[in-house]
Amino acid sequence: MSQNIWYYTWAVLLVLGNLGALAATVTALPGNWIIVGLTALFAWLIHDASGGGVDWKTVVALIVLATIGELVEFIAGAAGAARSGGSRRGMLLAVVGTLLGSMAGVTVGSFVVPIPVLGSVIAAVGGGALGAFVGAYVGESWKGRTDDERLAISKAAFVGRLLGTVGKLWIGAVMVVVAAVDTFFF
């Protein structure tokens, strides 16, 4: 009986850790890979009294989903700027801007969007997209592009980053659910 209590205690901690990792994805951190790592650690170390626990097939499925999430984020972010004729410098600075903008969004999120938890998420995603815009704009200015070209490329970087982050978050949410279902029901 006490072994079951420990299993479910660790299972709840896994779900909470995975939710925290999902939240980290908003700030451009590798949250989906943290979900994979936490779930793999759980699969390796924790088993319930009946011999159950997280199956290694689930861990492999999470690796596949995390890889798809990275591809979605990369393709959406880079495709937007590249389609508009963005330079490597502009795309690199868009990535740097995304990281800085996401961190700034998390920091000031509760002031900008005064909704508990959700406000920080919205501000982080918006800050990341705005950072991509500014980074691409600076990079394309540095390259000597015209104002119209800079704006078009920057808008594309903004939209691409926004869509990429939202896509990666959806995949991360699916990962959390898959890990939780395998932990509690199989």
Protein backbone atom coordinates (compact mmCIF):
# COMPACT_ATOMS: atom_id res chain seq x y z
CA MET A 1 0.00 0.00 0.00
CA SER A 2 2.72 2.53 0.94
CA GLN A 3 4.57 1.63 -2.26
CA ASN A 4 1.48 2.73 -4.23
CA ILE A 5 1.39 6.04 -2.35
CA TRP A 6 5.01 6.70 -3.31
CA TYR A 7 4.33 5.83 -6.93
CA TYR A 8 1.42 8.26 -7.16
CA THR A 9 3.34 10.95 -5.30
CA TRP A 10 6.14 10.68 -7.85
CA ALA A 11 3.59 10.49 -10.68
CA VAL A 12 1.99 13.77 -9.59
CA LEU A 13 5.45 15.34 -9.32
CA LEU A 14 6.20 14.14 -12.86
CA VAL A 15 3.05 15.82 -14.19
CA LEU A 16 3.85 19.04 -12.31
CA GLY A 17 7.45 18.96 -13.57
CA ASN A 18 6.26 18.38 -17.12
CA LEU A 19 3.84 21.31 -16.83
CA GLY A 20 6.71 23.48 -15.61
CA ALA A 21 8.81 22.32 -18.56
CA LEU A 22 5.94 23.17 -20.91
CA ALA A 23 5.86 26.67 -19.41
CA ALA A 24 9.63 26.94 -20.02
CA THR A 25 8.97 26.36 -23.72
CA VAL A 26 7.27 29.76 -23.82
CA THR A 27 10.58 31.44 -22.96
CA ALA A 28 12.37 29.69 -25.85
CA LEU A 29 13.94 27.16 -23.48
CA PRO A 30 13.96 23.45 -24.45
CA GLY A 31 10.85 22.58 -22.43
CA ASN A 32 9.77 19.70 -24.66
CA TRP A 33 13.17 18.06 -24.20
CA ILE A 34 12.90 18.56 -20.44
CA ILE A 35 9.56 16.70 -20.63
CA VAL A 36 11.36 13.86 -22.42
CA GLY A 37 14.13 13.83 -19.80
CA LEU A 38 11.79 13.88 -16.79
CA THR A 39 9.60 11.16 -18.25
CA ALA A 40 12.61 8.99 -19.14
CA LEU A 41 13.96 9.42 -15.60
CA PHE A 42 10.57 8.41 -14.22
CA ALA A 43 10.42 5.37 -16.53
CA TRP A 44 13.86 4.30 -15.40
CA LEU A 45 13.48 4.83 -11.64
CA ILE A 46 9.81 4.61 -10.67
CA HIS A 47 7.49 1.60 -10.92
CA ASP A 48 4.19 0.94 -9.19
CA ALA A 49 3.54 -2.07 -6.98
CA SER A 50 1.88 -4.02 -9.80
CA GLY A 51 4.97 -3.65 -11.99
CA GLY A 52 3.52 -0.82 -14.07
CA GLY A 53 4.96 2.59 -14.78
CA VAL A 54 5.87 4.63 -17.82
CA ASP A 55 6.63 2.43 -20.81
CA TRP A 56 9.81 3.06 -22.81
CA LYS A 57 7.66 3.15 -25.95
CA THR A 58 6.09 6.28 -24.49
CA VAL A 59 9.53 7.83 -24.02
CA VAL A 60 10.36 7.09 -27.67
CA ALA A 61 7.02 8.61 -28.72
CA LEU A 62 7.88 11.73 -26.70
CA ILE A 63 11.26 11.95 -28.42
CA VAL A 64 9.51 11.82 -31.79
CA LEU A 65 7.01 14.50 -30.69
CA ALA A 66 9.79 16.75 -29.33
CA THR A 67 11.65 16.43 -32.62
CA ILE A 68 8.51 17.35 -34.55
CA GLY A 69 8.04 20.34 -32.22
CA GLU A 70 11.56 21.56 -32.95
CA LEU A 71 10.99 21.15 -36.69
CA VAL A 72 7.70 23.06 -36.52
CA GLU A 73 9.29 25.91 -34.59
CA PHE A 74 12.36 26.09 -36.80
CA ILE A 75 10.52 25.79 -40.09
CA ALA A 76 7.85 28.33 -39.15
CA GLY A 77 10.37 30.82 -37.80
CA ALA A 78 12.95 30.51 -40.55
CA ALA A 79 10.50 30.05 -43.41
CA GLY A 80 8.76 33.32 -42.69
CA ALA A 81 11.95 35.37 -42.85
CA ALA A 82 13.53 33.32 -45.64
CA ARG A 83 10.43 33.57 -47.84
CA SER A 84 10.64 37.32 -47.56
CA GLY A 85 14.30 37.29 -48.60
CA GLY A 86 15.82 37.56 -45.13
CA SER A 87 19.57 37.24 -44.68
CA ARG A 88 21.35 34.83 -42.35
CA ARG A 89 22.33 37.78 -40.20
CA GLY A 90 18.72 38.88 -39.91
CA MET A 91 17.58 35.37 -39.02
CA LEU A 92 20.35 34.96 -36.44
CA LEU A 93 19.49 38.27 -34.81
CA ALA A 94 15.80 37.28 -34.91
CA VAL A 95 16.68 34.20 -32.84
CA VAL A 96 18.65 36.33 -30.36
CA GLY A 97 15.76 38.80 -30.25
CA THR A 98 13.35 35.94 -29.59
CA LEU A 99 15.33 34.80 -26.54
CA LEU A 100 15.67 38.32 -25.14
CA GLY A 101 12.06 39.22 -25.91
CA SER A 102 10.74 36.04 -24.31
CA MET A 103 12.74 36.64 -21.14
CA ALA A 104 11.58 40.26 -21.02
CA GLY A 105 8.00 39.11 -21.55
CA VAL A 106 8.20 36.70 -18.64
CA THR A 107 9.76 39.39 -16.46
CA VAL A 108 7.15 42.06 -17.13
CA GLY A 109 4.28 39.77 -18.13
CA SER A 110 2.26 40.13 -14.95
CA PHE A 111 2.36 43.92 -15.32
CA VAL A 112 1.59 44.03 -19.05
CA VAL A 113 -1.14 41.36 -19.06
CA PRO A 114 -2.57 41.21 -15.50
CA ILE A 115 -3.98 37.70 -15.74
CA PRO A 116 -2.34 35.22 -13.33
CA VAL A 117 -0.01 32.76 -15.09
CA LEU A 118 -1.68 33.23 -18.49
CA GLY A 119 -0.50 36.85 -18.58
CA SER A 120 3.14 35.80 -18.37
CA VAL A 121 2.63 33.18 -21.07
CA ILE A 122 0.98 35.68 -23.42
CA ALA A 123 3.67 38.28 -22.69
CA ALA A 124 6.49 35.75 -23.22
CA VAL A 125 5.13 34.54 -26.56
CA GLY A 126 4.39 38.11 -27.66
CA GLY A 127 7.78 39.30 -26.40
CA GLY A 128 9.52 36.51 -28.32
CA ALA A 129 7.69 37.40 -31.51
CA LEU A 130 8.42 41.11 -31.00
CA GLY A 131 12.07 40.24 -30.31
CA ALA A 132 12.19 38.31 -33.59
CA PHE A 133 10.79 41.37 -35.37
CA VAL A 134 13.36 43.72 -33.82
CA GLY A 135 16.24 41.28 -34.36
CA ALA A 136 15.36 40.76 -38.01
CA TYR A 137 14.94 44.50 -38.51
CA VAL A 138 18.36 45.25 -36.99
CA GLY A 139 19.99 42.44 -39.00
CA GLU A 140 18.48 43.61 -42.26
CA SER A 141 19.38 47.25 -41.47
CA TRP A 142 22.94 46.10 -40.90
CA LYS A 143 22.80 44.41 -44.31
CA GLY A 144 21.77 47.71 -45.90
CA ARG A 145 18.22 46.74 -46.91
CA THR A 146 15.60 49.35 -47.75
CA ASP A 147 12.99 50.25 -45.16
CA ASP A 148 10.26 48.35 -47.05
CA GLU A 149 12.44 45.22 -47.25
CA ARG A 150 13.32 45.44 -43.54
CA LEU A 151 9.67 45.77 -42.56
CA ALA A 152 8.52 42.89 -44.77
CA ILE A 153 11.23 40.55 -43.48
CA SER A 154 10.66 41.61 -39.87
CA LYS A 155 6.90 41.06 -40.13
CA ALA A 156 7.53 37.62 -41.58
CA ALA A 157 9.93 36.80 -38.72
CA PHE A 158 7.31 38.00 -36.21
CA VAL A 159 4.51 35.85 -37.66
CA GLY A 160 6.79 32.86 -38.18
CA ARG A 161 8.06 32.95 -34.60
CA LEU A 162 4.54 33.35 -33.25
CA LEU A 163 3.22 30.40 -35.26
CA GLY A 164 6.28 28.28 -34.48
CA THR A 165 6.02 28.87 -30.73
CA VAL A 166 2.29 28.16 -30.69
CA GLY A 167 2.83 24.96 -32.68
CA LYS A 168 5.62 23.82 -30.37
CA LEU A 169 3.45 24.58 -27.33
CA TRP A 170 0.59 22.48 -28.70
CA ILE A 171 2.95 19.59 -29.30
CA GLY A 172 4.36 20.05 -25.78
CA ALA A 173 0.83 19.96 -24.35
CA VAL A 174 0.21 16.68 -26.19
CA MET A 175 3.46 15.35 -24.72
CA VAL A 176 2.34 16.23 -21.18
CA VAL A 177 -0.98 14.45 -21.74
CA VAL A 178 0.69 11.35 -23.28
CA ALA A 179 3.10 11.07 -20.33
CA ALA A 180 0.31 11.60 -17.78
CA VAL A 181 -1.99 9.04 -19.38
CA ASP A 182 0.77 6.43 -19.50
CA THR A 183 1.75 7.23 -15.91
CA PHE A 184 -1.73 6.94 -14.42
CA PHE A 185 -3.71 4.63 -16.70
CA PHE A 186 -1.41 2.00 -18.20
